[in-house]
Amino acid sequence: MPLNALIGGIVGGSIIERFGRKKAILATGPPYILSWLLITFATNLPMMYAGRSIQGFCVGLTTLTLPIYLGETIQPEVRGTLGLLPTTIGNVGILFCYILGSYIDWKVLAAIGAALPIPFLMFMWFIPETPRWYISKGRYTEARTSLQWLRGGKTNVEDEFVEIEQNYKAQETSGMDGVKDLMRMAYLRPLLISLGLMFFQQLSGINAVIFYTVSIFEKSGGSVDSNLSSIIVGLANFFATLGSNLIIDKVGRKVLLNISGFFMGLSLGVLGVFFILQHLEHDVTQLGWLPLASFIVYIIAFSIGYGPIPWLMVNTHCLIF
């Protein structure tokens, strides 16, 4: 899935510029349904691979498009708090899967996954395209209507509309065109910050932790049931992200990233030592609680920093481009 997500992210740029943010998001709905149906009715490994490949491509496209959509629709004064909501909602989904996966067959869980895009498509249908994309296509009346819908029917949006229009024209006047212009210092610094944060986020081990939580707990031989442990980790993930929503605009991004990185490294180091001792056949039965404790510390640390903040920074920096 991550490999195909890379492909989806690469080709997604031209798609969202040509067809718009809303249509790009809507276009992922039917493939998501198809991918889960392939997994639900899979009778061989290639069907599983096909389902996961389709999901990966759609994940790459949506993770590219959603930050841009949010960046072009959320007011700057609440961008920190609201920009983290997708991560919070995503963690609700992870917790939902952990809980259901503890009690139902994986094929039933996949069938539920196939059903979820249906209400997603229904609700997204009524959401407008971003005002900025409309302006980029010269459709000013639709841009004003979109902004009015987003801000509420009685809100005076004239000043904000003029500001969006001026920002777009200023970008056009600057002559930014192609990869060569990204090398300008004004664009290069935020680009490198965003790429660097995403690079370290993906190398932090979070995919292994999320994908293999139950397996890791089973191999650790811990004293807590592996399915229950995964639910506890999911709960810690959710509440930590929820807490970061409340403090990010007060504490700041950099402080949370430093705290996050330190405790992620510490917790994974402790977990690694535990498995090394287990591999060397030392008696670790008295430390059966340690894997769960390490996971909780890791997931809380990730959820307050390296989980949501890179996406938020991409959300913010995409406005520069």
C-alpha atoms as a PDB file:
ATOM      1  CA  MET A   1       0.000   0.000   0.000  1.00  0.00           C
ATOM      2  CA  PRO A   2       2.696   2.610   0.839  1.00  0.00           C
ATOM      3  CA  LEU A   3       4.427   1.935  -2.491  1.00  0.00           C
ATOM      4  CA  ASN A   4       1.257   2.651  -4.461  1.00  0.00           C
ATOM      5  CA  ALA A   5       0.530   5.637  -2.214  1.00  0.00           C
ATOM      6  CA  LEU A   6       3.804   7.087  -3.487  1.00  0.00           C
ATOM      7  CA  ILE A   7       2.557   6.706  -7.070  1.00  0.00           C
ATOM      8  CA  GLY A   8      -0.804   8.264  -6.179  1.00  0.00           C
ATOM      9  CA  GLY A   9       0.910  11.238  -4.599  1.00  0.00           C
ATOM     10  CA  ILE A  10       3.175  11.795  -7.609  1.00  0.00           C
ATOM     11  CA  VAL A  11       0.437  11.741 -10.259  1.00  0.00           C
ATOM     12  CA  GLY A  12      -2.098  13.487  -8.015  1.00  0.00           C
ATOM     13  CA  GLY A  13      -0.663  16.969  -8.499  1.00  0.00           C
ATOM     14  CA  SER A  14      -1.756  17.307 -12.109  1.00  0.00           C
ATOM     15  CA  ILE A  15      -5.126  15.701 -11.314  1.00  0.00           C
ATOM     16  CA  ILE A  16      -6.104  18.174  -8.602  1.00  0.00           C
ATOM     17  CA  GLU A  17      -4.978  21.168 -10.642  1.00  0.00           C
ATOM     18  CA  ARG A  18      -6.896  20.112 -13.727  1.00  0.00           C
ATOM     19  CA  PHE A  19     -10.091  18.695 -12.224  1.00  0.00           C
ATOM     20  CA  GLY A  20     -10.199  20.391  -8.832  1.00  0.00           C
ATOM     21  CA  ARG A  21      -9.790  19.298  -5.241  1.00  0.00           C
ATOM     22  CA  LYS A  22     -13.381  18.150  -4.741  1.00  0.00           C
ATOM     23  CA  LYS A  23     -13.534  15.971  -7.848  1.00  0.00           C
ATOM     24  CA  ALA A  24     -10.184  14.388  -6.987  1.00  0.00           C
ATOM     25  CA  ILE A  25     -11.459  13.484  -3.518  1.00  0.00           C
ATOM     26  CA  LEU A  26     -14.764  12.175  -4.887  1.00  0.00           C
ATOM     27  CA  ALA A  27     -12.947  10.101  -7.491  1.00  0.00           C
ATOM     28  CA  THR A  28     -11.303   8.006  -4.757  1.00  0.00           C
ATOM     29  CA  GLY A  29     -14.652   6.767  -3.405  1.00  0.00           C
ATOM     30  CA  PRO A  30     -15.507   4.047  -5.992  1.00  0.00           C
ATOM     31  CA  PRO A  31     -11.924   2.652  -6.059  1.00  0.00           C
ATOM     32  CA  TYR A  32     -11.946   2.441  -2.253  1.00  0.00           C
ATOM     33  CA  ILE A  33     -15.175   0.413  -2.437  1.00  0.00           C
ATOM     34  CA  LEU A  34     -13.729  -1.826  -5.149  1.00  0.00           C
ATOM     35  CA  SER A  35     -10.507  -2.398  -3.196  1.00  0.00           C
ATOM     36  CA  TRP A  36     -12.339  -3.496  -0.047  1.00  0.00           C
ATOM     37  CA  LEU A  37     -14.636  -5.761  -2.055  1.00  0.00           C
ATOM     38  CA  LEU A  38     -11.588  -7.422  -3.613  1.00  0.00           C
ATOM     39  CA  ILE A  39     -10.253  -8.111  -0.117  1.00  0.00           C
ATOM     40  CA  THR A  40     -13.656  -9.220   1.187  1.00  0.00           C
ATOM     41  CA  PHE A  41     -14.117 -11.820  -1.542  1.00  0.00           C
ATOM     42  CA  ALA A  42     -10.437 -12.656  -2.012  1.00  0.00           C
ATOM     43  CA  THR A  43      -9.757 -16.289  -2.842  1.00  0.00           C
ATOM     44  CA  ASN A  44      -6.050 -15.871  -3.548  1.00  0.00           C
ATOM     45  CA  LEU A  45      -3.102 -13.616  -2.782  1.00  0.00           C
ATOM     46  CA  PRO A  46      -3.194 -11.605  -6.061  1.00  0.00           C
ATOM     47  CA  MET A  47      -6.706 -10.373  -5.177  1.00  0.00           C
ATOM     48  CA  MET A  48      -5.379  -9.162  -1.819  1.00  0.00           C
ATOM     49  CA  TYR A  49      -2.464  -7.436  -3.547  1.00  0.00           C
ATOM     50  CA  ALA A  50      -4.811  -5.809  -6.042  1.00  0.00           C
ATOM     51  CA  GLY A  51      -7.068  -4.490  -3.270  1.00  0.00           C
ATOM     52  CA  ARG A  52      -4.172  -3.084  -1.274  1.00  0.00           C
ATOM     53  CA  SER A  53      -2.593  -1.550  -4.399  1.00  0.00           C
ATOM     54  CA  ILE A  54      -5.803   0.298  -5.281  1.00  0.00           C
ATOM     55  CA  GLN A  55      -6.127   1.483  -1.681  1.00  0.00           C
ATOM     56  CA  GLY A  56      -2.545   2.697  -1.701  1.00  0.00           C
ATOM     57  CA  PHE A  57      -3.027   4.762  -4.847  1.00  0.00           C
ATOM     58  CA  CYS A  58      -6.172   6.361  -3.379  1.00  0.00           C
ATOM     59  CA  VAL A  59      -4.427   7.023  -0.062  1.00  0.00           C
ATOM     60  CA  GLY A  60      -1.634   8.820  -1.925  1.00  0.00           C
ATOM     61  CA  LEU A  61      -4.147  10.945  -3.797  1.00  0.00           C
ATOM     62  CA  THR A  62      -6.274  11.817  -0.755  1.00  0.00           C
ATOM     63  CA  THR A  63      -3.326  12.591   1.518  1.00  0.00           C
ATOM     64  CA  LEU A  64      -2.131  15.011  -1.152  1.00  0.00           C
ATOM     65  CA  THR A  65      -5.526  16.573  -1.785  1.00  0.00           C
ATOM     66  CA  LEU A  66      -6.999  16.912   1.705  1.00  0.00           C
ATOM     67  CA  PRO A  67      -4.250  19.182   3.132  1.00  0.00           C
ATOM     68  CA  ILE A  68      -4.575  21.426   0.086  1.00  0.00           C
ATOM     69  CA  TYR A  69      -8.357  21.537   0.397  1.00  0.00           C
ATOM     70  CA  LEU A  70      -8.096  22.411   4.081  1.00  0.00           C
ATOM     71  CA  GLY A  71      -5.363  24.971   3.482  1.00  0.00           C
ATOM     72  CA  GLU A  72      -7.563  26.756   0.937  1.00  0.00           C
ATOM     73  CA  THR A  73     -10.739  26.722   3.035  1.00  0.00           C
ATOM     74  CA  ILE A  74      -9.777  27.089   6.721  1.00  0.00           C
ATOM     75  CA  GLN A  75      -9.273  30.541   8.226  1.00  0.00           C
ATOM     76  CA  PRO A  76      -5.651  31.189   9.330  1.00  0.00           C
ATOM     77  CA  GLU A  77      -6.582  31.888  12.963  1.00  0.00           C
ATOM     78  CA  VAL A  78      -7.958  28.349  13.481  1.00  0.00           C
ATOM     79  CA  ARG A  79      -5.764  26.477  11.020  1.00  0.00           C
ATOM     80  CA  GLY A  80      -3.680  24.891  13.779  1.00  0.00           C
ATOM     81  CA  THR A  81      -6.633  23.353  15.598  1.00  0.00           C
ATOM     82  CA  LEU A  82      -8.815  22.450  12.620  1.00  0.00           C
ATOM     83  CA  GLY A  83      -5.829  21.317  10.567  1.00  0.00           C
ATOM     84  CA  LEU A  84      -5.265  18.502  13.065  1.00  0.00           C
ATOM     85  CA  LEU A  85      -8.835  17.197  12.896  1.00  0.00           C
ATOM     86  CA  PRO A  86      -8.148  14.848   9.939  1.00  0.00           C
ATOM     87  CA  THR A  87      -5.460  13.119  11.998  1.00  0.00           C
ATOM     88  CA  THR A  88      -7.839  12.884  14.941  1.00  0.00           C
ATOM     89  CA  ILE A  89     -10.598  11.406  12.793  1.00  0.00           C
ATOM     90  CA  GLY A  90      -8.079   9.029  11.236  1.00  0.00           C
ATOM     91  CA  ASN A  91      -7.149   7.801  14.696  1.00  0.00           C
ATOM     92  CA  VAL A  92     -10.840   7.198  15.393  1.00  0.00           C
ATOM     93  CA  GLY A  93     -10.791   4.925  12.340  1.00  0.00           C
ATOM     94  CA  ILE A  94      -7.734   3.058  13.627  1.00  0.00           C
ATOM     95  CA  LEU A  95      -9.393   2.566  17.023  1.00  0.00           C
ATOM     96  CA  PHE A  96     -12.600   1.459  15.297  1.00  0.00           C
ATOM     97  CA  CYS A  97     -10.669  -1.193  13.338  1.00  0.00           C
ATOM     98  CA  TYR A  98      -8.812  -2.403  16.439  1.00  0.00           C
ATOM     99  CA  ILE A  99     -12.054  -2.852  18.366  1.00  0.00           C
ATOM    100  CA  LEU A 100     -13.974  -4.560  15.560  1.00  0.00           C
ATOM    101  CA  GLY A 101     -10.967  -6.663  14.582  1.00  0.00           C
ATOM    102  CA  SER A 102     -10.903  -8.135  18.076  1.00  0.00           C
ATOM    103  CA  TYR A 103     -14.385  -9.607  17.730  1.00  0.00           C
ATOM    104  CA  ILE A 104     -15.201 -10.189  14.052  1.00  0.00           C
ATOM    105  CA  ASP A 105     -13.641 -11.986  11.097  1.00  0.00           C
ATOM    106  CA  TRP A 106     -11.328  -9.910   8.903  1.00  0.00           C
ATOM    107  CA  LYS A 107     -13.549 -10.443   5.862  1.00  0.00           C
ATOM    108  CA  VAL A 108     -16.486  -8.895   7.705  1.00  0.00           C
ATOM    109  CA  LEU A 109     -14.221  -5.989   8.677  1.00  0.00           C
ATOM    110  CA  ALA A 110     -13.268  -5.554   5.020  1.00  0.00           C
ATOM    111  CA  ALA A 111     -16.963  -5.520   4.060  1.00  0.00           C
ATOM    112  CA  ILE A 112     -17.529  -2.710   6.560  1.00  0.00           C
ATOM    113  CA  GLY A 113     -14.621  -0.894   4.913  1.00  0.00           C
ATOM    114  CA  ALA A 114     -16.398  -1.225   1.567  1.00  0.00           C
ATOM    115  CA  ALA A 115     -19.553   0.350   3.019  1.00  0.00           C
ATOM    116  CA  LEU A 116     -17.905   3.396   4.641  1.00  0.00           C
ATOM    117  CA  PRO A 117     -17.087   5.263   1.381  1.00  0.00           C
ATOM    118  CA  ILE A 118     -20.795   5.380   0.545  1.00  0.00           C
ATOM    119  CA  PRO A 119     -21.765   7.991   3.207  1.00  0.00           C
ATOM    120  CA  PHE A 120     -18.423   9.684   2.486  1.00  0.00           C
ATOM    121  CA  LEU A 121     -19.441  10.187  -1.150  1.00  0.00           C
ATOM    122  CA  MET A 122     -22.925  11.339  -0.163  1.00  0.00           C
ATOM    123  CA  PHE A 123     -21.651  14.024   2.224  1.00  0.00           C
ATOM    124  CA  MET A 124     -18.748  15.131   0.037  1.00  0.00           C
ATOM    125  CA  TRP A 125     -21.142  15.699  -2.858  1.00  0.00           C
ATOM    126  CA  PHE A 126     -22.616  18.733  -1.054  1.00  0.00           C
ATOM    127  CA  ILE A 127     -19.256  20.276  -0.129  1.00  0.00           C
ATOM    128  CA  PRO A 128     -18.126  23.045  -2.530  1.00  0.00           C
ATOM    129  CA  GLU A 129     -14.893  23.267  -4.453  1.00  0.00           C
ATOM    130  CA  THR A 130     -12.308  25.615  -2.936  1.00  0.00           C
ATOM    131  CA  PRO A 131     -12.638  29.326  -3.831  1.00  0.00           C
ATOM    132  CA  ARG A 132      -8.983  29.479  -4.806  1.00  0.00           C
ATOM    133  CA  TRP A 133      -9.321  26.742  -7.439  1.00  0.00           C
ATOM    134  CA  TYR A 134     -12.327  28.491  -8.933  1.00  0.00           C
ATOM    135  CA  ILE A 135     -10.347  31.743  -9.079  1.00  0.00           C
ATOM    136  CA  SER A 136      -7.458  29.937 -10.783  1.00  0.00           C
ATOM    137  CA  LYS A 137      -9.918  28.930 -13.521  1.00  0.00           C
ATOM    138  CA  GLY A 138     -11.427  32.421 -13.824  1.00  0.00           C
ATOM    139  CA  ARG A 139     -14.769  31.327 -12.330  1.00  0.00           C
ATOM    140  CA  TYR A 140     -15.195  34.211  -9.900  1.00  0.00           C
ATOM    141  CA  THR A 141     -18.932  33.919  -9.329  1.00  0.00           C
ATOM    142  CA  GLU A 142     -18.592  30.277  -8.278  1.00  0.00           C
ATOM    143  CA  ALA A 143     -15.596  31.189  -6.119  1.00  0.00           C
ATOM    144  CA  ARG A 144     -17.623  33.799  -4.222  1.00  0.00           C
ATOM    145  CA  THR A 145     -20.541  31.378  -3.824  1.00  0.00           C
ATOM    146  CA  SER A 146     -18.184  28.694  -2.495  1.00  0.00           C
ATOM    147  CA  LEU A 147     -16.608  31.056   0.034  1.00  0.00           C
ATOM    148  CA  GLN A 148     -20.030  32.243   1.175  1.00  0.00           C
ATOM    149  CA  TRP A 149     -21.137  28.637   1.740  1.00  0.00           C
ATOM    150  CA  LEU A 150     -17.988  27.865   3.720  1.00  0.00           C
ATOM    151  CA  ARG A 151     -18.273  30.917   5.967  1.00  0.00           C
ATOM    152  CA  GLY A 152     -22.056  30.896   6.447  1.00  0.00           C
ATOM    153  CA  GLY A 153     -24.855  32.577   4.565  1.00  0.00           C
ATOM    154  CA  LYS A 154     -24.856  35.850   6.540  1.00  0.00           C
ATOM    155  CA  THR A 155     -21.093  36.337   6.812  1.00  0.00           C
ATOM    156  CA  ASN A 156     -19.530  39.214   4.903  1.00  0.00           C
ATOM    157  CA  VAL A 157     -16.853  37.496   2.812  1.00  0.00           C
ATOM    158  CA  GLU A 158     -15.925  40.358   0.498  1.00  0.00           C
ATOM    159  CA  ASP A 159     -12.640  41.232   2.231  1.00  0.00           C
ATOM    160  CA  GLU A 160     -11.521  37.608   2.405  1.00  0.00           C
ATOM    161  CA  PHE A 161     -12.505  37.025  -1.208  1.00  0.00           C
ATOM    162  CA  VAL A 162     -10.416  40.013  -2.336  1.00  0.00           C
ATOM    163  CA  GLU A 163      -7.485  38.726  -0.261  1.00  0.00           C
ATOM    164  CA  ILE A 164      -7.683  35.253  -1.842  1.00  0.00           C
ATOM    165  CA  GLU A 165      -7.868  36.803  -5.299  1.00  0.00           C
ATOM    166  CA  GLN A 166      -4.902  39.090  -4.626  1.00  0.00           C
ATOM    167  CA  ASN A 167      -2.814  36.220  -3.224  1.00  0.00           C
ATOM    168  CA  TYR A 168      -3.493  34.143  -6.314  1.00  0.00           C
ATOM    169  CA  LYS A 169      -2.646  37.027  -8.673  1.00  0.00           C
ATOM    170  CA  ALA A 170       0.529  37.766  -6.705  1.00  0.00           C
ATOM    171  CA  GLN A 171       1.601  34.161  -7.155  1.00  0.00           C
ATOM    172  CA  GLU A 172       0.889  34.366 -10.873  1.00  0.00           C
ATOM    173  CA  THR A 173       2.826  37.626 -11.134  1.00  0.00           C
ATOM    174  CA  SER A 174       5.808  36.089  -9.347  1.00  0.00           C
ATOM    175  CA  GLY A 175       6.222  33.855 -12.380  1.00  0.00           C
ATOM    176  CA  MET A 176       6.568  30.599 -10.474  1.00  0.00           C
ATOM    177  CA  ASP A 177       6.495  27.913 -13.111  1.00  0.00           C
ATOM    178  CA  GLY A 178       7.895  24.415 -12.712  1.00  0.00           C
ATOM    179  CA  VAL A 179      10.413  22.645 -10.513  1.00  0.00           C
ATOM    180  CA  LYS A 180      13.188  25.148 -11.294  1.00  0.00           C
ATOM    181  CA  ASP A 181      11.333  27.928  -9.502  1.00  0.00           C
ATOM    182  CA  LEU A 182      11.001  25.766  -6.385  1.00  0.00           C
ATOM    183  CA  MET A 183      14.726  26.245  -5.925  1.00  0.00           C
ATOM    184  CA  ARG A 184      14.182  29.886  -4.995  1.00  0.00           C
ATOM    185  CA  MET A 185      14.893  30.413  -1.298  1.00  0.00           C
ATOM    186  CA  ALA A 186      11.367  31.720  -0.672  1.00  0.00           C
ATOM    187  CA  TYR A 187       9.956  28.355  -1.754  1.00  0.00           C
ATOM    188  CA  LEU A 188      12.885  26.033  -1.030  1.00  0.00           C
ATOM    189  CA  ARG A 189      12.955  26.492   2.738  1.00  0.00           C
ATOM    190  CA  PRO A 190       9.290  25.639   3.438  1.00  0.00           C
ATOM    191  CA  LEU A 191       9.504  22.834   0.874  1.00  0.00           C
ATOM    192  CA  LEU A 192      12.511  21.256   2.605  1.00  0.00           C
ATOM    193  CA  ILE A 193      10.901  21.649   6.037  1.00  0.00           C
ATOM    194  CA  SER A 194       7.751  19.908   4.855  1.00  0.00           C
ATOM    195  CA  LEU A 195       9.625  17.133   3.059  1.00  0.00           C
ATOM    196  CA  GLY A 196      11.975  16.649   6.012  1.00  0.00           C
ATOM    197  CA  LEU A 197       9.139  16.316   8.501  1.00  0.00           C
ATOM    198  CA  MET A 198       7.305  13.832   6.281  1.00  0.00           C
ATOM    199  CA  PHE A 199      10.541  11.889   5.716  1.00  0.00           C
ATOM    200  CA  PHE A 200      11.178  11.425   9.430  1.00  0.00           C
ATOM    201  CA  GLN A 201       7.514  10.756  10.129  1.00  0.00           C
ATOM    202  CA  GLN A 202       7.502   7.810   7.731  1.00  0.00           C
ATOM    203  CA  LEU A 203      10.826   6.499   9.073  1.00  0.00           C
ATOM    204  CA  SER A 204       9.654   6.711  12.685  1.00  0.00           C
ATOM    205  CA  GLY A 205       8.236   3.183  12.588  1.00  0.00           C
ATOM    206  CA  ILE A 206       4.584   4.194  12.786  1.00  0.00           C
ATOM    207  CA  ASN A 207       3.487   1.994   9.866  1.00  0.00           C
ATOM    208  CA  ALA A 208       5.036  -1.090  11.484  1.00  0.00           C
ATOM    209  CA  VAL A 209       3.389  -0.195  14.790  1.00  0.00           C
ATOM    210  CA  ILE A 210      -0.079   0.353  13.275  1.00  0.00           C
ATOM    211  CA  PHE A 211      -0.010  -2.581  10.832  1.00  0.00           C
ATOM    212  CA  TYR A 212       1.521  -5.144  13.190  1.00  0.00           C
ATOM    213  CA  THR A 213       0.357  -4.111  16.663  1.00  0.00           C
ATOM    214  CA  VAL A 214      -1.370  -7.422  17.443  1.00  0.00           C
ATOM    215  CA  SER A 215       1.509  -9.490  15.997  1.00  0.00           C
ATOM    216  CA  ILE A 216       4.115  -7.595  18.025  1.00  0.00           C
ATOM    217  CA  PHE A 217       2.192  -8.112  21.241  1.00  0.00           C
ATOM    218  CA  GLU A 218       1.751 -11.803  20.457  1.00  0.00           C
ATOM    219  CA  LYS A 219       5.496 -12.231  19.883  1.00  0.00           C
ATOM    220  CA  SER A 220       6.315 -10.359  23.082  1.00  0.00           C
ATOM    221  CA  GLY A 221       4.396 -12.910  25.136  1.00  0.00           C
ATOM    222  CA  GLY A 222       3.119 -10.089  27.322  1.00  0.00           C
ATOM    223  CA  SER A 223       0.772 -10.557  30.232  1.00  0.00           C
ATOM    224  CA  VAL A 224      -2.005  -8.527  28.543  1.00  0.00           C
ATOM    225  CA  ASP A 225      -4.139 -10.028  25.763  1.00  0.00           C
ATOM    226  CA  SER A 226      -2.817  -8.902  22.353  1.00  0.00           C
ATOM    227  CA  ASN A 227      -6.228  -7.744  21.067  1.00  0.00           C
ATOM    228  CA  LEU A 228      -6.911  -5.809  24.277  1.00  0.00           C
ATOM    229  CA  SER A 229      -3.433  -4.292  24.060  1.00  0.00           C
ATOM    230  CA  SER A 230      -4.140  -3.035  20.539  1.00  0.00           C
ATOM    231  CA  ILE A 231      -7.382  -1.412  21.713  1.00  0.00           C
ATOM    232  CA  ILE A 232      -5.533   0.289  24.581  1.00  0.00           C
ATOM    233  CA  VAL A 233      -2.939   1.587  22.108  1.00  0.00           C
ATOM    234  CA  GLY A 234      -5.741   2.835  19.848  1.00  0.00           C
ATOM    235  CA  LEU A 235      -7.351   4.686  22.750  1.00  0.00           C
ATOM    236  CA  ALA A 236      -4.016   6.264  23.714  1.00  0.00           C
ATOM    237  CA  ASN A 237      -3.531   7.287  20.081  1.00  0.00           C
ATOM    238  CA  PHE A 238      -6.947   8.946  19.917  1.00  0.00           C
ATOM    239  CA  PHE A 239      -6.779  10.851  23.214  1.00  0.00           C
ATOM    240  CA  ALA A 240      -3.206  12.009  22.616  1.00  0.00           C
ATOM    241  CA  THR A 241      -4.146  13.470  19.224  1.00  0.00           C
ATOM    242  CA  LEU A 242      -7.220  15.065  20.761  1.00  0.00           C
ATOM    243  CA  GLY A 243      -5.006  16.645  23.409  1.00  0.00           C
ATOM    244  CA  SER A 244      -2.596  17.973  20.797  1.00  0.00           C
ATOM    245  CA  ASN A 245      -5.541  19.722  19.111  1.00  0.00           C
ATOM    246  CA  LEU A 246      -6.054  21.715  22.292  1.00  0.00           C
ATOM    247  CA  ILE A 247      -2.448  22.723  22.956  1.00  0.00           C
ATOM    248  CA  ILE A 248      -0.737  23.043  19.571  1.00  0.00           C
ATOM    249  CA  ASP A 249      -1.555  26.732  19.092  1.00  0.00           C
ATOM    250  CA  LYS A 250      -0.429  27.470  22.679  1.00  0.00           C
ATOM    251  CA  VAL A 251       2.728  25.373  22.954  1.00  0.00           C
ATOM    252  CA  GLY A 252       3.906  25.597  19.356  1.00  0.00           C
ATOM    253  CA  ARG A 253       4.901  23.099  16.673  1.00  0.00           C
ATOM    254  CA  LYS A 254       8.632  22.958  17.359  1.00  0.00           C
ATOM    255  CA  VAL A 255       8.302  22.223  21.078  1.00  0.00           C
ATOM    256  CA  LEU A 256       5.843  19.393  20.445  1.00  0.00           C
ATOM    257  CA  LEU A 257       8.098  17.928  17.737  1.00  0.00           C
ATOM    258  CA  ASN A 258      11.088  17.900  20.105  1.00  0.00           C
ATOM    259  CA  ILE A 259       9.099  16.255  22.888  1.00  0.00           C
ATOM    260  CA  SER A 260       7.615  13.782  20.419  1.00  0.00           C
ATOM    261  CA  GLY A 261      10.961  12.763  18.929  1.00  0.00           C
ATOM    262  CA  PHE A 262      12.631  12.262  22.324  1.00  0.00           C
ATOM    263  CA  PHE A 263       9.965   9.987  23.791  1.00  0.00           C
ATOM    264  CA  MET A 264       9.466   8.051  20.542  1.00  0.00           C
ATOM    265  CA  GLY A 265      13.170   7.215  20.471  1.00  0.00           C
ATOM    266  CA  LEU A 266      13.201   6.333  24.174  1.00  0.00           C
ATOM    267  CA  SER A 267      10.170   4.034  23.970  1.00  0.00           C
ATOM    268  CA  LEU A 268      11.362   2.191  20.848  1.00  0.00           C
ATOM    269  CA  GLY A 269      14.808   1.769  22.433  1.00  0.00           C
ATOM    270  CA  VAL A 270      13.266   0.184  25.531  1.00  0.00           C
ATOM    271  CA  LEU A 271      11.081  -2.080  23.364  1.00  0.00           C
ATOM    272  CA  GLY A 272      14.106  -3.081  21.291  1.00  0.00           C
ATOM    273  CA  VAL A 273      16.090  -4.017  24.417  1.00  0.00           C
ATOM    274  CA  PHE A 274      13.147  -6.135  25.596  1.00  0.00           C
ATOM    275  CA  PHE A 275      13.109  -8.144  22.359  1.00  0.00           C
ATOM    276  CA  ILE A 276      16.899  -8.505  22.368  1.00  0.00           C
ATOM    277  CA  LEU A 277      16.763  -9.963  25.884  1.00  0.00           C
ATOM    278  CA  GLN A 278      13.921 -12.247  24.817  1.00  0.00           C
ATOM    279  CA  HIS A 279      15.902 -13.378  21.762  1.00  0.00           C
ATOM    280  CA  LEU A 280      18.912 -14.142  23.982  1.00  0.00           C
ATOM    281  CA  GLU A 281      16.575 -16.325  26.058  1.00  0.00           C
ATOM    282  CA  HIS A 282      16.708 -14.204  29.181  1.00  0.00           C
ATOM    283  CA  ASP A 283      13.754 -14.505  31.522  1.00  0.00           C
ATOM    284  CA  VAL A 284      11.540 -11.505  30.743  1.00  0.00           C
ATOM    285  CA  THR A 285       8.308 -12.858  32.223  1.00  0.00           C
ATOM    286  CA  GLN A 286       8.434 -10.242  34.976  1.00  0.00           C
ATOM    287  CA  LEU A 287       8.556  -7.556  32.288  1.00  0.00           C
ATOM    288  CA  GLY A 288       5.418  -8.692  30.472  1.00  0.00           C
ATOM    289  CA  TRP A 289       3.919  -5.224  30.988  1.00  0.00           C
ATOM    290  CA  LEU A 290       6.845  -3.468  29.278  1.00  0.00           C
ATOM    291  CA  PRO A 291       5.813  -3.876  25.595  1.00  0.00           C
ATOM    292  CA  LEU A 292       2.392  -2.369  26.254  1.00  0.00           C
ATOM    293  CA  ALA A 293       3.875   0.492  28.306  1.00  0.00           C
ATOM    294  CA  SER A 294       6.449   1.193  25.573  1.00  0.00           C
ATOM    295  CA  PHE A 295       3.766   1.169  22.892  1.00  0.00           C
ATOM    296  CA  ILE A 296       1.580   3.566  24.862  1.00  0.00           C
ATOM    297  CA  VAL A 297       4.468   6.009  25.367  1.00  0.00           C
ATOM    298  CA  TYR A 298       5.442   5.706  21.701  1.00  0.00           C
ATOM    299  CA  ILE A 299       1.946   6.227  20.341  1.00  0.00           C
ATOM    300  CA  ILE A 300       1.249   9.191  22.657  1.00  0.00           C
ATOM    301  CA  ALA A 301       4.557  10.789  21.665  1.00  0.00           C
ATOM    302  CA  PHE A 302       3.842  10.225  17.965  1.00  0.00           C
ATOM    303  CA  SER A 303       0.281  11.518  18.246  1.00  0.00           C
ATOM    304  CA  ILE A 304       1.245  14.850  19.802  1.00  0.00           C
ATOM    305  CA  GLY A 305       4.054  15.609  17.376  1.00  0.00           C
ATOM    306  CA  TYR A 306       5.307  13.631  14.433  1.00  0.00           C
ATOM    307  CA  GLY A 307       1.835  12.282  13.637  1.00  0.00           C
ATOM    308  CA  PRO A 308      -0.233  15.410  13.024  1.00  0.00           C
ATOM    309  CA  ILE A 309       2.295  18.245  12.752  1.00  0.00           C
ATOM    310  CA  PRO A 310       3.957  17.258   9.428  1.00  0.00           C
ATOM    311  CA  TRP A 311       0.516  17.195   7.803  1.00  0.00           C
ATOM    312  CA  LEU A 312      -0.311  20.530   9.390  1.00  0.00           C
ATOM    313  CA  MET A 313       2.939  22.032   8.088  1.00  0.00           C
ATOM    314  CA  VAL A 314       2.198  20.732   4.579  1.00  0.00           C
ATOM    315  CA  ASN A 315      -1.282  22.227   4.975  1.00  0.00           C
ATOM    316  CA  THR A 316       0.239  25.597   5.894  1.00  0.00           C
ATOM    317  CA  HIS A 317       3.123  25.620   3.420  1.00  0.00           C
ATOM    318  CA  CYS A 318       0.962  24.613   0.442  1.00  0.00           C
ATOM    319  CA  LEU A 319      -0.518  28.120   0.642  1.00  0.00           C
ATOM    320  CA  ILE A 320       2.911  29.515  -0.154  1.00  0.00           C
ATOM    321  CA  PHE A 321       2.971  27.665  -3.456  1.00  0.00           C
END
